[in-house]
Amino acid sequence: VPSNGAIYYPPGSGVIFEDEFESGNYSQWAGVTTTTGDNASVASLNPYTGRYVGRFQTGTITSGTKYAYCYESLSQAATDVYARTYFYIADGLPLNDNDDRFGLIGFEISSQLQCTLRVSRSGGVDRFSITGSNGTSSVSKNSDAFLPIEGQWFCLEFFIRVHSTIGEYRAWINGIERIAITNQIGKHTSELQS
């Protein structure tokens, strides 16, 4: 997959899934999930390209979890998966408290979140970060080189390799690798399906 002249992890079988919301709905996706009072819609508001964007809104809470997202399921098991998307954060920053966060791209294994590329507040600063499982506990890493801000498009690329000894998570922000967690023990390779 070319990005700024570099080739990262080209998928061996090609593109598994692609959607730019030009259908005007989520019909190309496996599904959409939201918590009560939250919204996932397709709108013609400030698209990066084309006419439409996926739009996700959640309300503010003092504790617990809120979510609004669309998802796709893989039809067969894979060990290496790469995702690229463009995000525009309209509002909600800065986050209020340390450990406040919202996910941007996530990978699940057997209906359990394996890892997520997200925005999280740490040390009083909003940062892009990766949090994931290494098979027995969680691992995380922040990017201090590039910080999320409102009112700007970001090209976000996220790679996961599921392997018992050399598993890894990598994230690129606007074409530059900013976060890498490597040589982690992950779940069994046959389990990555969605």
N, C-alpha and C. Protein backbone atom coordinates (compact mmCIF):
# COMPACT_ATOMS: atom_id res chain seq x y z
N VAL A 1 0.85 -1.17 0.00
CA VAL A 1 0.00 0.00 0.00
C VAL A 1 0.89 1.23 0.00
N PRO A 2 0.94 1.97 -1.08
CA PRO A 2 1.82 3.12 -1.12
C PRO A 2 1.28 4.29 -0.29
N SER A 3 2.17 4.97 0.38
CA SER A 3 1.81 6.16 1.14
C SER A 3 3.06 7.02 1.22
N ASN A 4 3.02 8.21 0.66
CA ASN A 4 4.18 9.11 0.64
C ASN A 4 5.43 8.42 0.07
N GLY A 5 5.25 7.60 -0.97
CA GLY A 5 6.38 6.99 -1.62
C GLY A 5 6.91 5.74 -0.96
N ALA A 6 6.40 5.35 0.20
CA ALA A 6 6.87 4.15 0.88
C ALA A 6 5.82 3.05 0.74
N ILE A 7 6.28 1.82 0.79
CA ILE A 7 5.35 0.70 0.78
C ILE A 7 5.42 0.04 2.14
N TYR A 8 4.29 -0.05 2.79
CA TYR A 8 4.24 -0.64 4.11
C TYR A 8 3.96 -2.13 3.99
N TYR A 9 2.88 -2.60 4.43
CA TYR A 9 2.57 -4.01 4.45
C TYR A 9 1.53 -4.33 3.39
N PRO A 10 1.99 -4.59 2.15
CA PRO A 10 1.03 -4.85 1.09
C PRO A 10 0.30 -6.16 1.37
N PRO A 11 -1.02 -6.14 1.41
CA PRO A 11 -1.75 -7.38 1.68
C PRO A 11 -1.51 -8.38 0.55
N GLY A 12 -1.19 -9.61 0.92
CA GLY A 12 -0.90 -10.64 -0.06
C GLY A 12 -2.08 -10.96 -0.96
N SER A 13 -3.29 -10.86 -0.42
CA SER A 13 -4.47 -11.21 -1.21
C SER A 13 -5.18 -9.98 -1.76
N GLY A 14 -4.60 -8.82 -1.62
CA GLY A 14 -5.22 -7.61 -2.15
C GLY A 14 -6.18 -6.98 -1.16
N VAL A 15 -7.02 -6.11 -1.67
CA VAL A 15 -7.98 -5.38 -0.84
C VAL A 15 -9.09 -6.33 -0.40
N ILE A 16 -9.32 -6.41 0.90
CA ILE A 16 -10.38 -7.25 1.44
C ILE A 16 -11.70 -6.50 1.45
N PHE A 17 -11.64 -5.21 1.79
CA PHE A 17 -12.85 -4.42 1.91
C PHE A 17 -12.51 -2.96 1.67
N GLU A 18 -13.41 -2.25 0.98
CA GLU A 18 -13.22 -0.82 0.73
C GLU A 18 -14.59 -0.16 0.63
N ASP A 19 -14.75 0.99 1.27
CA ASP A 19 -15.99 1.75 1.18
C ASP A 19 -15.71 3.21 1.46
N GLU A 20 -16.20 4.08 0.62
CA GLU A 20 -16.05 5.52 0.82
C GLU A 20 -17.40 6.17 1.11
N PHE A 21 -18.37 5.37 1.51
CA PHE A 21 -19.71 5.83 1.90
C PHE A 21 -20.48 6.48 0.77
N GLU A 22 -20.05 6.28 -0.48
CA GLU A 22 -20.73 6.92 -1.60
C GLU A 22 -22.10 6.32 -1.89
N SER A 23 -22.42 5.19 -1.25
CA SER A 23 -23.78 4.65 -1.35
C SER A 23 -24.77 5.52 -0.58
N GLY A 24 -24.24 6.38 0.30
CA GLY A 24 -25.10 7.23 1.12
C GLY A 24 -25.62 6.54 2.36
N ASN A 25 -25.13 5.31 2.63
CA ASN A 25 -25.56 4.57 3.82
C ASN A 25 -24.47 3.55 4.20
N TYR A 26 -24.78 2.69 5.15
CA TYR A 26 -23.82 1.69 5.60
C TYR A 26 -24.09 0.32 4.99
N SER A 27 -24.71 0.27 3.84
CA SER A 27 -25.10 -1.01 3.23
C SER A 27 -23.91 -1.90 2.88
N GLN A 28 -22.72 -1.34 2.67
CA GLN A 28 -21.55 -2.14 2.35
C GLN A 28 -20.91 -2.78 3.59
N TRP A 29 -21.28 -2.32 4.76
CA TRP A 29 -20.68 -2.79 6.01
C TRP A 29 -21.48 -3.95 6.58
N ALA A 30 -20.83 -4.75 7.44
CA ALA A 30 -21.52 -5.87 8.10
C ALA A 30 -22.55 -5.36 9.09
N GLY A 31 -22.30 -4.18 9.68
CA GLY A 31 -23.25 -3.64 10.64
C GLY A 31 -22.80 -2.32 11.23
N VAL A 32 -23.71 -1.75 12.01
CA VAL A 32 -23.48 -0.49 12.73
C VAL A 32 -23.95 -0.71 14.15
N THR A 33 -23.20 -0.21 15.12
CA THR A 33 -23.56 -0.37 16.52
C THR A 33 -23.43 0.97 17.23
N THR A 34 -24.44 1.31 18.03
CA THR A 34 -24.39 2.54 18.84
C THR A 34 -24.99 2.26 20.21
N THR A 35 -24.58 3.03 21.19
CA THR A 35 -25.24 3.00 22.49
C THR A 35 -26.42 3.96 22.44
N THR A 36 -27.33 3.84 23.38
CA THR A 36 -28.54 4.65 23.43
C THR A 36 -28.22 6.14 23.42
N GLY A 37 -28.88 6.87 22.51
CA GLY A 37 -28.70 8.31 22.41
C GLY A 37 -27.54 8.73 21.54
N ASP A 38 -26.78 7.77 20.99
CA ASP A 38 -25.64 8.10 20.14
C ASP A 38 -26.01 7.84 18.68
N ASN A 39 -25.15 8.25 17.75
CA ASN A 39 -25.54 8.25 16.35
C ASN A 39 -24.39 7.84 15.43
N ALA A 40 -24.71 7.00 14.46
CA ALA A 40 -23.82 6.70 13.34
C ALA A 40 -24.64 6.94 12.08
N SER A 41 -24.19 7.86 11.25
CA SER A 41 -24.94 8.21 10.05
C SER A 41 -23.97 8.46 8.90
N VAL A 42 -24.51 8.54 7.70
CA VAL A 42 -23.74 8.95 6.54
C VAL A 42 -24.24 10.32 6.14
N ALA A 43 -23.33 11.28 5.98
CA ALA A 43 -23.72 12.66 5.73
C ALA A 43 -22.87 13.27 4.62
N SER A 44 -23.36 14.35 4.06
CA SER A 44 -22.59 15.08 3.05
C SER A 44 -21.95 16.32 3.67
N LEU A 45 -21.46 16.17 4.87
CA LEU A 45 -20.86 17.27 5.63
C LEU A 45 -19.35 17.18 5.56
N ASN A 46 -18.68 18.10 4.86
CA ASN A 46 -17.23 18.20 4.81
C ASN A 46 -16.53 16.89 4.44
N PRO A 47 -16.87 16.27 3.28
CA PRO A 47 -16.21 15.02 2.92
C PRO A 47 -14.74 15.23 2.55
N TYR A 48 -13.92 14.24 2.82
CA TYR A 48 -12.51 14.29 2.42
C TYR A 48 -12.41 14.19 0.90
N THR A 49 -13.11 13.23 0.32
CA THR A 49 -13.27 13.10 -1.13
C THR A 49 -14.70 12.66 -1.39
N GLY A 50 -15.15 12.76 -2.60
CA GLY A 50 -16.49 12.30 -2.92
C GLY A 50 -17.57 13.19 -2.32
N ARG A 51 -18.73 12.58 -2.08
CA ARG A 51 -19.88 13.35 -1.57
C ARG A 51 -20.23 13.06 -0.13
N TYR A 52 -19.82 11.89 0.40
CA TYR A 52 -20.31 11.47 1.72
C TYR A 52 -19.18 11.08 2.66
N VAL A 53 -19.51 11.09 3.94
CA VAL A 53 -18.62 10.62 5.01
C VAL A 53 -19.45 9.82 6.01
N GLY A 54 -18.77 8.91 6.70
CA GLY A 54 -19.39 8.28 7.86
C GLY A 54 -19.25 9.25 9.02
N ARG A 55 -20.34 9.44 9.75
CA ARG A 55 -20.32 10.41 10.85
C ARG A 55 -20.73 9.69 12.14
N PHE A 56 -19.92 9.87 13.18
CA PHE A 56 -20.14 9.16 14.44
C PHE A 56 -20.14 10.16 15.59
N GLN A 57 -21.18 10.10 16.40
CA GLN A 57 -21.32 11.04 17.52
C GLN A 57 -21.72 10.27 18.77
N THR A 58 -21.04 10.58 19.87
CA THR A 58 -21.43 10.04 21.17
C THR A 58 -21.54 11.18 22.16
N GLY A 59 -22.36 10.97 23.16
CA GLY A 59 -22.53 11.98 24.20
C GLY A 59 -21.45 11.87 25.27
N THR A 60 -21.38 12.86 26.11
CA THR A 60 -20.42 12.90 27.21
C THR A 60 -20.96 12.12 28.40
N ILE A 61 -20.09 11.37 29.06
CA ILE A 61 -20.46 10.64 30.27
C ILE A 61 -19.35 10.80 31.30
N THR A 62 -19.69 10.59 32.56
CA THR A 62 -18.68 10.69 33.62
C THR A 62 -18.00 9.35 33.87
N SER A 63 -18.65 8.24 33.54
CA SER A 63 -18.03 6.92 33.65
C SER A 63 -18.77 5.96 32.73
N GLY A 64 -18.13 4.86 32.41
CA GLY A 64 -18.76 3.88 31.54
C GLY A 64 -18.25 4.00 30.11
N THR A 65 -19.00 3.43 29.17
CA THR A 65 -18.59 3.39 27.78
C THR A 65 -19.73 3.82 26.88
N LYS A 66 -19.43 4.66 25.91
CA LYS A 66 -20.36 5.06 24.85
C LYS A 66 -19.68 4.72 23.53
N TYR A 67 -20.48 4.37 22.52
CA TYR A 67 -19.87 4.07 21.24
C TYR A 67 -20.84 4.26 20.08
N ALA A 68 -20.25 4.52 18.94
CA ALA A 68 -20.95 4.62 17.66
C ALA A 68 -19.92 4.23 16.61
N TYR A 69 -20.15 3.12 15.91
CA TYR A 69 -19.19 2.67 14.91
C TYR A 69 -19.83 1.75 13.89
N CYS A 70 -19.16 1.60 12.76
CA CYS A 70 -19.53 0.60 11.77
C CYS A 70 -18.42 -0.44 11.76
N TYR A 71 -18.75 -1.64 11.31
CA TYR A 71 -17.75 -2.70 11.33
C TYR A 71 -17.89 -3.62 10.13
N GLU A 72 -16.80 -4.31 9.85
CA GLU A 72 -16.75 -5.30 8.78
C GLU A 72 -16.14 -6.57 9.35
N SER A 73 -16.63 -7.71 8.95
CA SER A 73 -16.10 -9.01 9.39
C SER A 73 -15.36 -9.67 8.24
N LEU A 74 -14.22 -10.27 8.56
CA LEU A 74 -13.45 -10.98 7.54
C LEU A 74 -14.07 -12.36 7.33
N SER A 75 -14.12 -12.79 6.09
CA SER A 75 -14.73 -14.08 5.78
C SER A 75 -13.81 -15.25 6.07
N GLN A 76 -12.51 -14.99 6.17
CA GLN A 76 -11.56 -16.04 6.51
C GLN A 76 -10.50 -15.49 7.45
N ALA A 77 -9.86 -16.39 8.17
CA ALA A 77 -8.83 -15.98 9.14
C ALA A 77 -7.66 -15.33 8.44
N ALA A 78 -7.04 -14.37 9.10
CA ALA A 78 -5.86 -13.67 8.57
C ALA A 78 -4.90 -13.40 9.72
N THR A 79 -3.62 -13.36 9.43
CA THR A 79 -2.64 -13.04 10.46
C THR A 79 -2.16 -11.61 10.38
N ASP A 80 -2.19 -11.02 9.17
CA ASP A 80 -1.75 -9.64 8.97
C ASP A 80 -2.91 -8.86 8.36
N VAL A 81 -3.30 -7.78 9.03
CA VAL A 81 -4.39 -6.95 8.50
C VAL A 81 -3.96 -5.48 8.61
N TYR A 82 -4.22 -4.74 7.55
CA TYR A 82 -3.86 -3.34 7.44
C TYR A 82 -5.13 -2.56 7.13
N ALA A 83 -5.33 -1.45 7.81
CA ALA A 83 -6.49 -0.59 7.54
C ALA A 83 -6.02 0.84 7.37
N ARG A 84 -6.64 1.55 6.42
CA ARG A 84 -6.36 2.97 6.25
C ARG A 84 -7.69 3.70 6.15
N THR A 85 -7.77 4.82 6.84
CA THR A 85 -8.98 5.64 6.79
C THR A 85 -8.60 7.09 7.04
N TYR A 86 -9.51 7.96 6.73
CA TYR A 86 -9.31 9.39 6.95
C TYR A 86 -10.31 9.84 8.00
N PHE A 87 -9.81 10.51 9.04
CA PHE A 87 -10.66 10.98 10.14
C PHE A 87 -10.59 12.49 10.25
N TYR A 88 -11.73 13.06 10.57
CA TYR A 88 -11.85 14.49 10.85
C TYR A 88 -12.51 14.59 12.21
N ILE A 89 -11.83 15.17 13.17
CA ILE A 89 -12.37 15.32 14.52
C ILE A 89 -13.02 16.68 14.58
N ALA A 90 -14.37 16.70 14.56
CA ALA A 90 -15.10 17.97 14.50
C ALA A 90 -15.08 18.69 15.85
N ASP A 91 -15.28 17.95 16.94
CA ASP A 91 -15.24 18.57 18.27
C ASP A 91 -15.04 17.49 19.32
N GLY A 92 -14.90 17.92 20.56
CA GLY A 92 -14.70 16.99 21.67
C GLY A 92 -13.30 17.04 22.27
N LEU A 93 -12.42 17.82 21.65
CA LEU A 93 -11.07 17.97 22.20
C LEU A 93 -10.93 19.37 22.78
N PRO A 94 -10.19 19.53 23.83
CA PRO A 94 -9.45 18.49 24.53
C PRO A 94 -10.39 17.61 25.36
N LEU A 95 -9.96 16.36 25.57
CA LEU A 95 -10.69 15.47 26.46
C LEU A 95 -10.57 16.01 27.88
N ASN A 96 -11.52 15.68 28.72
CA ASN A 96 -11.58 16.28 30.05
C ASN A 96 -10.53 15.78 31.03
N ASP A 97 -10.40 14.46 31.15
CA ASP A 97 -9.58 13.89 32.21
C ASP A 97 -8.56 12.90 31.66
N ASN A 98 -7.44 12.72 32.38
CA ASN A 98 -6.50 11.66 32.02
C ASN A 98 -7.24 10.33 31.96
N ASP A 99 -6.90 9.51 31.00
CA ASP A 99 -7.50 8.21 30.71
C ASP A 99 -8.82 8.31 29.95
N ASP A 100 -9.36 9.52 29.68
CA ASP A 100 -10.48 9.64 28.75
C ASP A 100 -9.96 9.26 27.37
N ARG A 101 -10.81 8.64 26.54
CA ARG A 101 -10.33 8.17 25.24
C ARG A 101 -11.50 7.89 24.30
N PHE A 102 -11.18 7.85 23.00
CA PHE A 102 -12.13 7.36 22.02
C PHE A 102 -11.36 6.65 20.91
N GLY A 103 -11.91 5.53 20.46
CA GLY A 103 -11.26 4.69 19.47
C GLY A 103 -11.54 5.19 18.06
N LEU A 104 -10.57 4.97 17.18
CA LEU A 104 -10.70 5.35 15.77
C LEU A 104 -10.72 4.13 14.87
N ILE A 105 -9.79 3.20 15.04
CA ILE A 105 -9.75 1.94 14.30
C ILE A 105 -9.48 0.83 15.32
N GLY A 106 -10.24 -0.24 15.26
CA GLY A 106 -10.03 -1.36 16.17
C GLY A 106 -10.11 -2.69 15.44
N PHE A 107 -9.44 -3.68 15.99
CA PHE A 107 -9.51 -5.05 15.47
C PHE A 107 -9.97 -5.96 16.60
N GLU A 108 -10.94 -6.81 16.29
CA GLU A 108 -11.44 -7.78 17.26
C GLU A 108 -11.01 -9.18 16.85
N ILE A 109 -10.83 -10.03 17.85
CA ILE A 109 -10.58 -11.45 17.64
C ILE A 109 -11.58 -12.20 18.50
N SER A 110 -12.35 -13.08 17.88
CA SER A 110 -13.36 -13.86 18.60
C SER A 110 -14.25 -12.96 19.45
N SER A 111 -14.72 -11.86 18.87
CA SER A 111 -15.62 -10.89 19.53
C SER A 111 -15.00 -10.17 20.71
N GLN A 112 -13.69 -10.19 20.84
CA GLN A 112 -12.99 -9.46 21.89
C GLN A 112 -12.05 -8.45 21.24
N LEU A 113 -12.05 -7.22 21.74
CA LEU A 113 -11.17 -6.20 21.19
C LEU A 113 -9.72 -6.60 21.40
N GLN A 114 -8.97 -6.76 20.31
CA GLN A 114 -7.55 -7.11 20.37
C GLN A 114 -6.69 -5.86 20.49
N CYS A 115 -7.01 -4.83 19.70
CA CYS A 115 -6.22 -3.62 19.74
C CYS A 115 -7.02 -2.47 19.13
N THR A 116 -6.62 -1.26 19.49
CA THR A 116 -7.28 -0.08 18.95
C THR A 116 -6.28 1.06 18.78
N LEU A 117 -6.44 1.78 17.69
CA LEU A 117 -5.75 3.05 17.47
C LEU A 117 -6.74 4.10 17.93
N ARG A 118 -6.33 4.95 18.85
CA ARG A 118 -7.30 5.87 19.47
C ARG A 118 -6.66 7.20 19.83
N VAL A 119 -7.51 8.09 20.31
CA VAL A 119 -7.07 9.33 20.93
C VAL A 119 -7.31 9.15 22.42
N SER A 120 -6.29 9.40 23.22
CA SER A 120 -6.43 9.27 24.67
C SER A 120 -5.72 10.43 25.36
N ARG A 121 -6.18 10.76 26.54
CA ARG A 121 -5.58 11.84 27.32
C ARG A 121 -4.63 11.24 28.34
N SER A 122 -3.38 11.70 28.30
CA SER A 122 -2.35 11.20 29.21
C SER A 122 -1.44 12.36 29.58
N GLY A 123 -1.21 12.54 30.86
CA GLY A 123 -0.35 13.63 31.31
C GLY A 123 -0.90 15.00 30.94
N GLY A 124 -2.23 15.11 30.84
CA GLY A 124 -2.87 16.38 30.51
C GLY A 124 -2.82 16.74 29.04
N VAL A 125 -2.43 15.76 28.17
CA VAL A 125 -2.30 16.02 26.74
C VAL A 125 -3.07 14.94 25.96
N ASP A 126 -3.81 15.35 24.93
CA ASP A 126 -4.48 14.41 24.04
C ASP A 126 -3.44 13.89 23.06
N ARG A 127 -3.40 12.55 22.89
CA ARG A 127 -2.40 11.93 22.03
C ARG A 127 -3.03 10.81 21.21
N PHE A 128 -2.44 10.52 20.06
CA PHE A 128 -2.76 9.28 19.37
C PHE A 128 -2.05 8.17 20.12
N SER A 129 -2.72 7.01 20.25
CA SER A 129 -2.10 5.90 20.96
C SER A 129 -2.62 4.57 20.42
N ILE A 130 -1.87 3.53 20.73
CA ILE A 130 -2.29 2.16 20.46
C ILE A 130 -2.39 1.46 21.80
N THR A 131 -3.46 0.72 21.99
CA THR A 131 -3.60 -0.17 23.13
C THR A 131 -4.04 -1.52 22.60
N GLY A 132 -3.42 -2.58 23.10
CA GLY A 132 -3.78 -3.91 22.64
C GLY A 132 -3.39 -4.98 23.63
N SER A 133 -3.70 -6.20 23.28
CA SER A 133 -3.35 -7.35 24.10
C SER A 133 -2.07 -7.98 23.60
N ASN A 134 -1.25 -8.47 24.52
CA ASN A 134 -0.07 -9.23 24.12
C ASN A 134 -0.26 -10.71 24.43
N GLY A 135 -1.49 -11.12 24.65
CA GLY A 135 -1.80 -12.51 24.93
C GLY A 135 -2.07 -12.77 26.40
N THR A 136 -1.42 -12.02 27.29
CA THR A 136 -1.63 -12.22 28.72
C THR A 136 -2.02 -10.92 29.45
N SER A 137 -1.63 -9.79 28.91
CA SER A 137 -1.95 -8.50 29.52
C SER A 137 -2.07 -7.46 28.42
N SER A 138 -2.23 -6.20 28.80
CA SER A 138 -2.35 -5.16 27.78
C SER A 138 -1.02 -4.43 27.60
N VAL A 139 -0.83 -3.91 26.40
CA VAL A 139 0.33 -3.10 26.06
C VAL A 139 -0.20 -1.81 25.44
N SER A 140 0.52 -0.73 25.62
CA SER A 140 0.09 0.53 25.02
C SER A 140 1.30 1.42 24.76
N LYS A 141 1.10 2.32 23.82
CA LYS A 141 2.16 3.27 23.49
C LYS A 141 1.51 4.50 22.87
N ASN A 142 2.01 5.67 23.24
CA ASN A 142 1.52 6.95 22.72
C ASN A 142 2.47 7.52 21.69
N SER A 143 1.94 8.43 20.88
CA SER A 143 2.77 9.23 19.99
C SER A 143 2.88 10.63 20.57
N ASP A 144 4.08 11.08 20.82
CA ASP A 144 4.30 12.45 21.28
C ASP A 144 4.68 13.36 20.12
N ALA A 145 4.96 12.76 18.95
CA ALA A 145 5.44 13.54 17.82
C ALA A 145 4.33 14.27 17.07
N PHE A 146 3.12 13.75 17.15
CA PHE A 146 2.03 14.33 16.38
C PHE A 146 0.76 14.21 17.20
N LEU A 147 0.12 15.33 17.50
CA LEU A 147 -1.03 15.34 18.39
C LEU A 147 -2.33 15.59 17.62
N PRO A 148 -3.43 14.97 18.07
CA PRO A 148 -4.72 15.20 17.41
C PRO A 148 -5.25 16.59 17.71
N ILE A 149 -5.89 17.19 16.72
CA ILE A 149 -6.53 18.49 16.91
C ILE A 149 -7.87 18.48 16.18
N GLU A 150 -8.73 19.38 16.58
CA GLU A 150 -10.03 19.53 15.92
C GLU A 150 -9.86 20.26 14.59
N GLY A 151 -10.80 19.99 13.68
CA GLY A 151 -10.87 20.75 12.44
C GLY A 151 -9.82 20.43 11.41
N GLN A 152 -9.29 19.21 11.43
CA GLN A 152 -8.26 18.82 10.46
C GLN A 152 -8.46 17.35 10.08
N TRP A 153 -8.26 17.03 8.80
CA TRP A 153 -8.30 15.65 8.35
C TRP A 153 -6.97 14.97 8.68
N PHE A 154 -7.05 13.70 9.12
CA PHE A 154 -5.88 12.88 9.39
C PHE A 154 -5.99 11.60 8.59
N CYS A 155 -4.92 11.21 7.92
CA CYS A 155 -4.84 9.89 7.30
C CYS A 155 -4.26 8.95 8.36
N LEU A 156 -5.05 7.98 8.79
CA LEU A 156 -4.61 7.04 9.82
C LEU A 156 -4.51 5.65 9.22
N GLU A 157 -3.37 5.01 9.43
CA GLU A 157 -3.13 3.66 8.96
C GLU A 157 -2.75 2.81 10.16
N PHE A 158 -3.33 1.61 10.22
CA PHE A 158 -3.14 0.75 11.38
C PHE A 158 -2.90 -0.67 10.89
N PHE A 159 -1.86 -1.29 11.40
CA PHE A 159 -1.47 -2.65 11.01
C PHE A 159 -1.40 -3.53 12.24
N ILE A 160 -1.90 -4.76 12.11
CA ILE A 160 -1.79 -5.74 13.18
C ILE A 160 -1.23 -7.03 12.57
N ARG A 161 -0.26 -7.61 13.24
CA ARG A 161 0.24 -8.95 12.91
C ARG A 161 0.00 -9.81 14.15
N VAL A 162 -0.81 -10.83 13.99
CA VAL A 162 -1.09 -11.75 15.09
C VAL A 162 -0.14 -12.94 14.97
N HIS A 163 0.70 -13.11 15.97
CA HIS A 163 1.71 -14.18 15.95
C HIS A 163 2.07 -14.49 17.38
N SER A 164 2.40 -15.74 17.65
CA SER A 164 2.68 -16.16 19.03
C SER A 164 3.94 -15.55 19.62
N THR A 165 4.90 -15.14 18.78
CA THR A 165 6.13 -14.54 19.33
C THR A 165 6.52 -13.21 18.69
N ILE A 166 6.10 -12.95 17.45
CA ILE A 166 6.51 -11.70 16.79
C ILE A 166 5.30 -10.87 16.37
N GLY A 167 4.26 -10.90 17.19
CA GLY A 167 3.09 -10.07 16.90
C GLY A 167 3.47 -8.60 16.99
N GLU A 168 2.72 -7.78 16.26
CA GLU A 168 3.03 -6.35 16.31
C GLU A 168 1.81 -5.51 15.97
N TYR A 169 1.87 -4.25 16.42
CA TYR A 169 0.91 -3.22 16.08
C TYR A 169 1.72 -2.02 15.58
N ARG A 170 1.28 -1.41 14.48
CA ARG A 170 1.96 -0.23 13.94
C ARG A 170 0.91 0.78 13.47
N ALA A 171 1.20 2.07 13.70
CA ALA A 171 0.29 3.13 13.25
C ALA A 171 1.07 4.22 12.54
N TRP A 172 0.50 4.67 11.42
CA TRP A 172 1.03 5.78 10.66
C TRP A 172 0.03 6.92 10.73
N ILE A 173 0.51 8.12 10.92
CA ILE A 173 -0.33 9.32 10.94
C ILE A 173 0.17 10.22 9.83
N ASN A 174 -0.70 10.49 8.89
CA ASN A 174 -0.35 11.30 7.71
C ASN A 174 0.89 10.77 7.00
N GLY A 175 0.97 9.44 6.86
CA GLY A 175 2.02 8.81 6.08
C GLY A 175 3.32 8.54 6.79
N ILE A 176 3.44 8.90 8.07
CA ILE A 176 4.68 8.68 8.81
C ILE A 176 4.40 7.74 9.98
N GLU A 177 5.21 6.68 10.10
CA GLU A 177 5.02 5.77 11.21
C GLU A 177 5.32 6.51 12.52
N ARG A 178 4.32 6.53 13.39
CA ARG A 178 4.45 7.26 14.66
C ARG A 178 4.43 6.36 15.89
N ILE A 179 3.83 5.16 15.77
CA ILE A 179 3.71 4.28 16.93
C ILE A 179 3.98 2.85 16.47
N ALA A 180 4.80 2.13 17.21
CA ALA A 180 5.05 0.72 16.92
C ALA A 180 5.19 -0.05 18.22
N ILE A 181 4.49 -1.15 18.31
CA ILE A 181 4.64 -2.10 19.41
C ILE A 181 4.98 -3.43 18.74
N THR A 182 6.20 -3.91 18.93
CA THR A 182 6.66 -5.09 18.20
C THR A 182 7.10 -6.20 19.13
N ASN A 183 7.24 -7.39 18.54
CA ASN A 183 7.69 -8.59 19.25
C ASN A 183 6.87 -8.89 20.49
N GLN A 184 5.57 -8.75 20.34
CA GLN A 184 4.66 -9.07 21.43
C GLN A 184 4.04 -10.43 21.17
N ILE A 185 3.72 -11.14 22.21
CA ILE A 185 3.03 -12.41 22.07
C ILE A 185 1.55 -12.11 21.88
N GLY A 186 0.96 -12.60 20.80
CA GLY A 186 -0.44 -12.35 20.50
C GLY A 186 -1.26 -13.60 20.59
N LYS A 187 -2.53 -13.47 20.26
CA LYS A 187 -3.42 -14.63 20.23
C LYS A 187 -3.03 -15.54 19.08
N HIS A 188 -3.56 -16.73 19.10
CA HIS A 188 -3.24 -17.71 18.06
C HIS A 188 -3.58 -17.16 16.67
N THR A 189 -2.73 -17.41 15.70
CA THR A 189 -2.85 -16.80 14.39
C THR A 189 -4.16 -17.09 13.69
N SER A 190 -4.78 -18.20 13.95
CA SER A 190 -6.02 -18.53 13.24
C SER A 190 -7.23 -17.78 13.79
N GLU A 191 -7.07 -17.01 14.86
CA GLU A 191 -8.21 -16.40 15.52
C GLU A 191 -8.61 -15.05 14.94
N LEU A 192 -7.76 -14.35 14.18
CA LEU A 192 -8.10 -13.02 13.68
C LEU A 192 -9.09 -13.15 12.54
N GLN A 193 -10.35 -12.81 12.82
CA GLN A 193 -11.39 -12.96 11.83
C GLN A 193 -12.23 -11.72 11.63
N SER A 194 -12.13 -10.72 12.48
CA SER A 194 -12.96 -9.53 12.27
C SER A 194 -12.28 -8.30 12.78
